[in-house]
Amino acid sequence: MDYFPSALENLIDKFAMLPGIGRKTAQRLAFFMVSLPDEEAAAFAEAINDAVSYVQCCKVCMNLTDSELCMVCESERRNPRIVCVVPDPKGVLAIERSREYDGVYHVLHGVISPMSNVGPDDIRIKELVTRVCDGGVDEVIMATNPDTEGETTARYISRLLKSFDVKVTRLAYGIPVGGSLEYADDATLMRAIEGRMEM
């Protein structure tokens, strides 16, 4: 039995489809939206329509953009010979926050996950291989997450790129700054020891 008008129930259902949004949060968002003045609600709806209509993948790196090339690929200050592979556009933001990386990116838009029926052909691996095959890339940095799917994806891509004259590296793992050794898991400690550097 619906407790709210059908239009409001429909809006709640749409918000509940969003990742990480449960039914109660969806209700709060829907109630907030219907309380907005008409012009603000219309602006919100227009922003969604514009994003869906104009945001597309960069033709080089597959990052999100509203033009043919993203800002990173257009920049003359970036080194196009180093490509950092990230699982999604949020990965680009995370690497950019460090302000240390001056190369370019390749966004996979997912990771290999047999449990979720996501295979290599379902993400943007083919575009990366084509990019490396075309030349001009010296190093590919695998920056997928250090979980089972991220590791599987990184290893799969690494094997694909073995036949090309390109260096494939992986982001280092270790103890986080401010972390405590006693709380680090075995895998993290093992990776930290393997990735140790001279001081």
Foldseek 3Di string as FASTA:
>chain_A
DDPDPPVLVVQLVVQCPDPPDHSVNSNVVSVVLVPDPPVVNVVVVVVVVCCVPQWFAAPQAGATDRDNHHPLVPDPQAQAQEEEEEAHNVVVVVVVVVVPHRHYYHYFVHFDDVVVPDHPVNTPLVSVLVNVVVDSHAEYEQEYDPDPRSVVRLVVSVVSCPVGNHHYHYDQAEADVVGDPVPDDPVRHVSCVVPDDDD
